[in-house]
């Protein structure tokens, strides 16, 4: 059993999966509706063009989801301290630490992004 409190930082040096906002918002909805692992902290850029999902360190090494990127931090500055300010200049929290689960599980995120892409494709083909 995980003994971390919700107020603990989600990870010491999180990697970040970046996706277009539309797909990211769909994925957030899917993750929040699902049972089990939820969505971890999520940041968005000032232009609201992208969302960034915080995932455990090391995720970037094996990330291969089309339409997204995963940036590894290797402990270089994306450590969360639960300050109200987001960890990246020019961004803001969609789901801040403390209101979200620990860092999003990469396998769960991969599945949610795939489902989101299919939903968007289906919606766009009906227009």
N, C-alpha and C. Protein backbone atom coordinates (compact mmCIF):
# COMPACT_ATOMS: atom_id res chain seq x y z
N UNK A 1 0.84 -1.18 0.00
CA UNK A 1 0.00 0.00 0.00
C UNK A 1 0.88 1.24 0.00
N UNK A 2 0.50 2.25 -0.77
CA UNK A 2 1.24 3.51 -0.83
C UNK A 2 0.95 4.31 0.43
N UNK A 3 2.00 4.69 1.14
CA UNK A 3 1.81 5.41 2.40
C UNK A 3 1.98 6.90 2.24
N UNK A 4 2.15 7.39 1.01
CA UNK A 4 2.29 8.83 0.79
C UNK A 4 0.97 9.53 1.05
N UNK A 5 1.04 10.70 1.59
CA UNK A 5 -0.15 11.52 1.78
C UNK A 5 -0.40 12.30 0.50
N UNK A 6 -1.63 12.73 0.29
CA UNK A 6 -1.96 13.50 -0.91
C UNK A 6 -1.17 14.80 -0.94
N UNK A 7 -0.74 15.29 0.22
CA UNK A 7 0.01 16.54 0.25
C UNK A 7 1.48 16.33 -0.10
N UNK A 8 1.92 15.08 -0.23
CA UNK A 8 3.30 14.83 -0.64
C UNK A 8 3.45 15.18 -2.12
N UNK A 9 4.62 15.67 -2.54
CA UNK A 9 4.81 15.94 -3.96
C UNK A 9 4.63 14.66 -4.76
N UNK A 10 4.12 14.73 -5.98
CA UNK A 10 3.84 13.54 -6.76
C UNK A 10 5.10 12.79 -7.20
N UNK A 11 6.19 13.47 -7.33
CA UNK A 11 7.43 12.79 -7.66
C UNK A 11 8.57 13.77 -7.45
N UNK A 12 9.77 13.23 -7.30
CA UNK A 12 10.92 14.09 -7.04
C UNK A 12 11.36 14.86 -8.28
N UNK A 13 11.23 14.27 -9.43
CA UNK A 13 11.62 14.93 -10.68
C UNK A 13 10.77 14.35 -11.79
N UNK A 14 9.57 14.84 -11.91
CA UNK A 14 8.60 14.28 -12.86
C UNK A 14 9.00 14.54 -14.30
N UNK A 15 8.67 13.58 -15.18
CA UNK A 15 8.70 13.80 -16.61
C UNK A 15 7.36 14.42 -16.98
N UNK A 16 7.28 14.99 -18.17
CA UNK A 16 6.04 15.66 -18.59
C UNK A 16 5.63 15.17 -19.98
N UNK A 17 4.41 14.65 -20.07
CA UNK A 17 3.82 14.26 -21.35
C UNK A 17 2.99 15.44 -21.83
N UNK A 18 3.33 15.97 -23.00
CA UNK A 18 2.64 17.14 -23.56
C UNK A 18 1.79 16.71 -24.74
N UNK A 19 0.53 17.17 -24.73
CA UNK A 19 -0.43 16.83 -25.79
C UNK A 19 -1.21 18.09 -26.16
N UNK A 20 -1.83 18.09 -27.36
CA UNK A 20 -2.72 19.20 -27.70
C UNK A 20 -3.85 19.30 -26.67
N UNK A 21 -4.30 20.51 -26.42
CA UNK A 21 -5.29 20.75 -25.37
C UNK A 21 -6.56 19.92 -25.54
N UNK A 22 -7.09 19.85 -26.74
CA UNK A 22 -8.36 19.13 -26.95
C UNK A 22 -8.22 17.67 -26.53
N UNK A 23 -7.16 17.01 -26.98
CA UNK A 23 -6.95 15.62 -26.62
C UNK A 23 -6.67 15.49 -25.12
N UNK A 24 -5.92 16.43 -24.58
CA UNK A 24 -5.59 16.38 -23.16
C UNK A 24 -6.82 16.53 -22.27
N UNK A 25 -7.72 17.45 -22.63
CA UNK A 25 -8.93 17.63 -21.83
C UNK A 25 -9.82 16.39 -21.89
N UNK A 26 -9.91 15.78 -23.07
CA UNK A 26 -10.66 14.52 -23.19
C UNK A 26 -10.04 13.45 -22.30
N UNK A 27 -8.72 13.37 -22.32
CA UNK A 27 -8.02 12.37 -21.50
C UNK A 27 -8.23 12.62 -20.01
N UNK A 28 -8.21 13.89 -19.59
CA UNK A 28 -8.47 14.22 -18.19
C UNK A 28 -9.86 13.72 -17.80
N UNK A 29 -10.86 13.98 -18.65
CA UNK A 29 -12.22 13.52 -18.37
C UNK A 29 -12.27 11.99 -18.26
N UNK A 30 -11.62 11.31 -19.17
CA UNK A 30 -11.60 9.85 -19.16
C UNK A 30 -10.95 9.35 -17.88
N UNK A 31 -9.83 9.93 -17.51
CA UNK A 31 -9.11 9.51 -16.31
C UNK A 31 -9.92 9.78 -15.04
N UNK A 32 -10.60 10.89 -15.00
CA UNK A 32 -11.38 11.24 -13.80
C UNK A 32 -12.63 10.38 -13.66
N UNK A 33 -13.16 9.88 -14.78
CA UNK A 33 -14.34 9.01 -14.74
C UNK A 33 -13.98 7.57 -14.42
N UNK A 34 -12.75 7.19 -14.75
CA UNK A 34 -12.34 5.80 -14.62
C UNK A 34 -12.17 5.36 -13.18
N UNK A 35 -12.20 4.06 -13.00
CA UNK A 35 -11.97 3.48 -11.68
C UNK A 35 -10.47 3.27 -11.50
N UNK A 36 -10.04 3.25 -10.29
CA UNK A 36 -8.63 2.99 -10.01
C UNK A 36 -7.80 4.24 -10.10
N UNK A 37 -6.66 4.12 -10.76
CA UNK A 37 -5.72 5.23 -10.83
C UNK A 37 -6.35 6.44 -11.51
N UNK A 38 -6.22 7.59 -10.90
CA UNK A 38 -6.75 8.82 -11.47
C UNK A 38 -5.68 9.60 -12.18
N UNK A 39 -6.00 10.82 -12.45
CA UNK A 39 -5.07 11.71 -13.14
C UNK A 39 -4.26 12.47 -12.10
N UNK A 40 -2.98 12.62 -12.37
CA UNK A 40 -2.10 13.39 -11.51
C UNK A 40 -2.14 14.86 -11.89
N UNK A 41 -1.21 15.64 -11.36
CA UNK A 41 -1.17 17.06 -11.69
C UNK A 41 -1.03 17.30 -13.19
N UNK A 42 -1.72 18.35 -13.67
CA UNK A 42 -1.71 18.70 -15.09
C UNK A 42 -1.49 20.20 -15.20
N UNK A 43 -0.59 20.60 -16.10
CA UNK A 43 -0.34 22.01 -16.35
C UNK A 43 -0.77 22.36 -17.77
N UNK A 44 -1.07 23.64 -17.99
CA UNK A 44 -1.37 24.10 -19.35
C UNK A 44 -0.56 25.35 -19.62
N UNK A 45 -0.29 25.58 -20.91
CA UNK A 45 0.48 26.76 -21.28
C UNK A 45 -0.43 27.98 -21.31
N UNK A 46 0.16 29.17 -21.33
CA UNK A 46 -0.62 30.41 -21.32
C UNK A 46 -1.55 30.52 -22.52
N UNK A 47 -1.14 30.02 -23.66
CA UNK A 47 -1.98 30.09 -24.85
C UNK A 47 -3.03 29.00 -24.89
N UNK A 48 -3.01 28.11 -23.92
CA UNK A 48 -3.94 26.98 -23.84
C UNK A 48 -3.86 26.09 -25.08
N UNK A 49 -2.66 25.99 -25.65
CA UNK A 49 -2.46 25.13 -26.81
C UNK A 49 -2.13 23.70 -26.41
N UNK A 50 -1.50 23.52 -25.24
CA UNK A 50 -1.07 22.19 -24.81
C UNK A 50 -1.36 21.98 -23.33
N UNK A 51 -1.48 20.70 -22.97
CA UNK A 51 -1.55 20.28 -21.58
C UNK A 51 -0.35 19.40 -21.31
N UNK A 52 0.15 19.46 -20.09
CA UNK A 52 1.26 18.63 -19.68
C UNK A 52 0.88 17.77 -18.48
N UNK A 53 0.93 16.46 -18.66
CA UNK A 53 0.64 15.51 -17.59
C UNK A 53 1.95 15.14 -16.89
N UNK A 54 2.00 15.28 -15.58
CA UNK A 54 3.18 14.89 -14.84
C UNK A 54 3.14 13.38 -14.63
N UNK A 55 4.22 12.74 -15.04
CA UNK A 55 4.34 11.29 -14.97
C UNK A 55 5.64 10.96 -14.23
N UNK A 56 5.79 9.72 -13.77
CA UNK A 56 6.99 9.37 -13.01
C UNK A 56 8.27 9.57 -13.83
N UNK A 57 9.38 9.87 -13.15
CA UNK A 57 10.65 10.01 -13.84
C UNK A 57 11.01 8.72 -14.57
N UNK A 58 11.61 8.86 -15.74
CA UNK A 58 12.00 7.72 -16.55
C UNK A 58 10.98 7.37 -17.63
N UNK A 59 9.80 7.95 -17.58
CA UNK A 59 8.76 7.65 -18.56
C UNK A 59 9.20 8.02 -19.97
N UNK A 60 9.92 9.12 -20.11
CA UNK A 60 10.32 9.61 -21.44
C UNK A 60 11.12 8.59 -22.22
N UNK A 61 11.87 7.76 -21.54
CA UNK A 61 12.74 6.79 -22.22
C UNK A 61 11.95 5.81 -23.09
N UNK A 62 10.70 5.52 -22.72
CA UNK A 62 9.92 4.53 -23.47
C UNK A 62 8.63 5.10 -24.04
N UNK A 63 8.46 6.42 -24.03
CA UNK A 63 7.21 7.02 -24.49
C UNK A 63 7.16 7.01 -26.01
N UNK A 64 6.05 6.51 -26.57
CA UNK A 64 5.95 6.36 -28.03
C UNK A 64 4.53 6.63 -28.54
N UNK A 65 3.81 7.52 -27.90
CA UNK A 65 2.42 7.78 -28.30
C UNK A 65 2.40 8.88 -29.35
N UNK A 66 1.91 8.57 -30.57
CA UNK A 66 1.85 9.57 -31.63
C UNK A 66 1.04 10.79 -31.20
N UNK A 67 1.49 11.97 -31.61
CA UNK A 67 0.79 13.20 -31.30
C UNK A 67 1.11 13.77 -29.94
N UNK A 68 2.02 13.14 -29.23
CA UNK A 68 2.42 13.64 -27.92
C UNK A 68 3.94 13.57 -27.80
N UNK A 69 4.46 14.28 -26.83
CA UNK A 69 5.88 14.20 -26.53
C UNK A 69 6.03 13.99 -25.03
N UNK A 70 7.10 13.35 -24.66
CA UNK A 70 7.39 13.17 -23.24
C UNK A 70 8.80 13.69 -23.01
N UNK A 71 8.90 14.67 -22.14
CA UNK A 71 10.18 15.29 -21.83
C UNK A 71 10.68 14.76 -20.50
N UNK A 72 11.86 14.19 -20.53
CA UNK A 72 12.48 13.71 -19.30
C UNK A 72 13.23 14.85 -18.63
N UNK A 73 13.10 14.94 -17.34
CA UNK A 73 13.78 16.02 -16.63
C UNK A 73 15.09 15.55 -16.00
N UNK A 74 15.24 14.24 -15.81
CA UNK A 74 16.44 13.70 -15.19
C UNK A 74 16.82 14.47 -13.93
N UNK A 75 15.82 14.92 -13.18
CA UNK A 75 16.09 15.64 -11.95
C UNK A 75 16.52 17.07 -12.14
N UNK A 76 16.30 17.63 -13.35
CA UNK A 76 16.78 18.99 -13.64
C UNK A 76 15.68 20.03 -13.49
N UNK A 77 15.04 20.09 -12.36
CA UNK A 77 14.22 21.25 -12.09
C UNK A 77 12.72 21.13 -12.18
N UNK A 78 12.15 19.99 -12.42
CA UNK A 78 10.69 19.89 -12.39
C UNK A 78 10.28 19.15 -11.13
N UNK A 79 10.87 19.56 -10.03
CA UNK A 79 10.52 19.01 -8.75
C UNK A 79 9.39 19.86 -8.17
N UNK A 80 8.36 19.22 -7.69
CA UNK A 80 7.20 19.95 -7.20
C UNK A 80 7.29 20.13 -5.69
N UNK A 81 6.98 21.32 -5.24
CA UNK A 81 7.01 21.59 -3.81
C UNK A 81 5.67 22.06 -3.30
N UNK A 82 4.61 21.88 -4.08
CA UNK A 82 3.25 22.26 -3.73
C UNK A 82 3.06 23.76 -3.59
N UNK A 83 4.00 24.54 -4.10
CA UNK A 83 3.81 25.99 -4.13
C UNK A 83 2.67 26.27 -5.10
N UNK A 84 1.97 27.37 -4.92
CA UNK A 84 0.86 27.66 -5.84
C UNK A 84 1.33 27.96 -7.25
N UNK A 85 2.58 28.33 -7.42
CA UNK A 85 3.10 28.63 -8.76
C UNK A 85 3.40 27.33 -9.49
N UNK A 86 3.06 27.26 -10.78
CA UNK A 86 3.39 26.07 -11.56
C UNK A 86 4.90 25.96 -11.74
N UNK A 87 5.39 24.75 -12.04
CA UNK A 87 6.83 24.53 -12.12
C UNK A 87 7.48 25.06 -13.39
N UNK A 88 6.70 25.47 -14.37
CA UNK A 88 7.24 25.94 -15.65
C UNK A 88 6.72 27.35 -15.90
N UNK A 89 7.64 28.27 -16.18
CA UNK A 89 7.24 29.65 -16.46
C UNK A 89 6.35 29.69 -17.69
N UNK A 90 5.31 30.52 -17.67
CA UNK A 90 4.39 30.62 -18.80
C UNK A 90 3.32 29.55 -18.79
N UNK A 91 3.08 28.93 -17.64
CA UNK A 91 2.06 27.90 -17.55
C UNK A 91 1.23 28.14 -16.29
N UNK A 92 0.18 27.35 -16.15
CA UNK A 92 -0.66 27.41 -14.97
C UNK A 92 -1.20 26.00 -14.73
N UNK A 93 -1.67 25.76 -13.53
CA UNK A 93 -2.21 24.45 -13.18
C UNK A 93 -3.63 24.28 -13.70
N UNK A 94 -3.92 23.15 -14.34
CA UNK A 94 -5.29 22.72 -14.58
C UNK A 94 -5.72 21.89 -13.37
N UNK A 95 -4.88 20.94 -12.97
CA UNK A 95 -5.06 20.15 -11.76
C UNK A 95 -3.78 20.28 -10.94
N UNK A 96 -3.79 21.09 -9.90
CA UNK A 96 -2.56 21.29 -9.12
C UNK A 96 -2.27 20.12 -8.19
N UNK A 97 -1.01 20.00 -7.78
CA UNK A 97 -0.69 18.99 -6.76
C UNK A 97 -1.52 19.29 -5.52
N UNK A 98 -1.93 18.27 -4.84
CA UNK A 98 -2.78 18.44 -3.67
C UNK A 98 -4.24 18.28 -4.01
N UNK A 99 -4.62 18.58 -5.26
CA UNK A 99 -6.00 18.35 -5.72
C UNK A 99 -6.05 17.15 -6.66
N UNK A 100 -4.89 16.62 -6.99
CA UNK A 100 -4.81 15.52 -7.94
C UNK A 100 -4.09 14.34 -7.27
N UNK A 101 -4.21 13.18 -7.89
CA UNK A 101 -3.50 12.01 -7.40
C UNK A 101 -2.01 12.20 -7.60
N UNK A 102 -1.25 11.19 -7.23
CA UNK A 102 0.17 11.20 -7.50
C UNK A 102 0.37 11.25 -9.01
N UNK A 103 1.59 11.36 -9.46
CA UNK A 103 1.87 11.44 -10.90
C UNK A 103 1.08 10.36 -11.65
N UNK A 104 0.57 10.73 -12.81
CA UNK A 104 -0.27 9.83 -13.61
C UNK A 104 0.53 8.63 -14.08
N UNK A 105 -0.04 7.46 -13.94
CA UNK A 105 0.58 6.22 -14.40
C UNK A 105 0.68 6.29 -15.93
N UNK A 106 1.88 6.08 -16.48
CA UNK A 106 2.04 6.19 -17.94
C UNK A 106 1.17 5.24 -18.75
N UNK A 107 0.98 4.01 -18.28
CA UNK A 107 0.14 3.06 -19.02
C UNK A 107 -1.31 3.51 -19.03
N UNK A 108 -1.77 4.04 -17.91
CA UNK A 108 -3.14 4.54 -17.81
C UNK A 108 -3.31 5.76 -18.71
N UNK A 109 -2.32 6.64 -18.71
CA UNK A 109 -2.36 7.82 -19.56
C UNK A 109 -2.34 7.44 -21.03
N UNK A 110 -1.51 6.49 -21.40
CA UNK A 110 -1.44 6.03 -22.80
C UNK A 110 -2.81 5.55 -23.27
N UNK A 111 -3.48 4.76 -22.45
CA UNK A 111 -4.81 4.25 -22.81
C UNK A 111 -5.82 5.39 -22.93
N UNK A 112 -5.78 6.34 -21.99
CA UNK A 112 -6.72 7.47 -22.02
C UNK A 112 -6.48 8.35 -23.24
N UNK A 113 -5.23 8.58 -23.60
CA UNK A 113 -4.93 9.39 -24.78
C UNK A 113 -5.41 8.70 -26.06
N UNK A 114 -5.26 7.38 -26.10
CA UNK A 114 -5.76 6.63 -27.26
C UNK A 114 -7.27 6.71 -27.38
N UNK A 115 -7.96 6.56 -26.25
CA UNK A 115 -9.42 6.67 -26.26
C UNK A 115 -9.84 8.09 -26.64
N UNK A 116 -9.15 9.08 -26.12
CA UNK A 116 -9.46 10.48 -26.44
C UNK A 116 -9.30 10.73 -27.94
N UNK A 117 -8.23 10.23 -28.53
CA UNK A 117 -7.99 10.42 -29.97
C UNK A 117 -9.12 9.79 -30.78
N UNK A 118 -9.57 8.60 -30.36
CA UNK A 118 -10.68 7.93 -31.08
C UNK A 118 -11.97 8.73 -30.94
N UNK A 119 -12.26 9.26 -29.76
CA UNK A 119 -13.46 10.07 -29.56
C UNK A 119 -13.44 11.34 -30.42
N UNK A 120 -12.29 11.98 -30.47
CA UNK A 120 -12.15 13.20 -31.27
C UNK A 120 -12.32 12.89 -32.75
N UNK A 121 -11.70 11.81 -33.20
CA UNK A 121 -11.83 11.41 -34.60
C UNK A 121 -13.28 11.10 -34.95
N UNK A 122 -13.99 10.40 -34.07
CA UNK A 122 -15.40 10.09 -34.31
C UNK A 122 -16.25 11.35 -34.35
N UNK A 123 -15.98 12.27 -33.41
CA UNK A 123 -16.75 13.53 -33.38
C UNK A 123 -16.50 14.36 -34.62
N UNK A 124 -15.26 14.43 -35.06
CA UNK A 124 -14.92 15.22 -36.23
C UNK A 124 -15.49 14.61 -37.52
N UNK A 125 -15.63 13.30 -37.58
CA UNK A 125 -16.14 12.66 -38.79
C UNK A 125 -17.66 12.83 -38.90
N UNK A 126 -18.32 13.21 -37.81
CA UNK A 126 -19.77 13.42 -37.83
C UNK A 126 -20.14 14.83 -38.25
N UNK A 127 -19.18 15.72 -38.34
CA UNK A 127 -19.48 17.12 -38.65
C UNK A 127 -19.59 17.34 -40.14
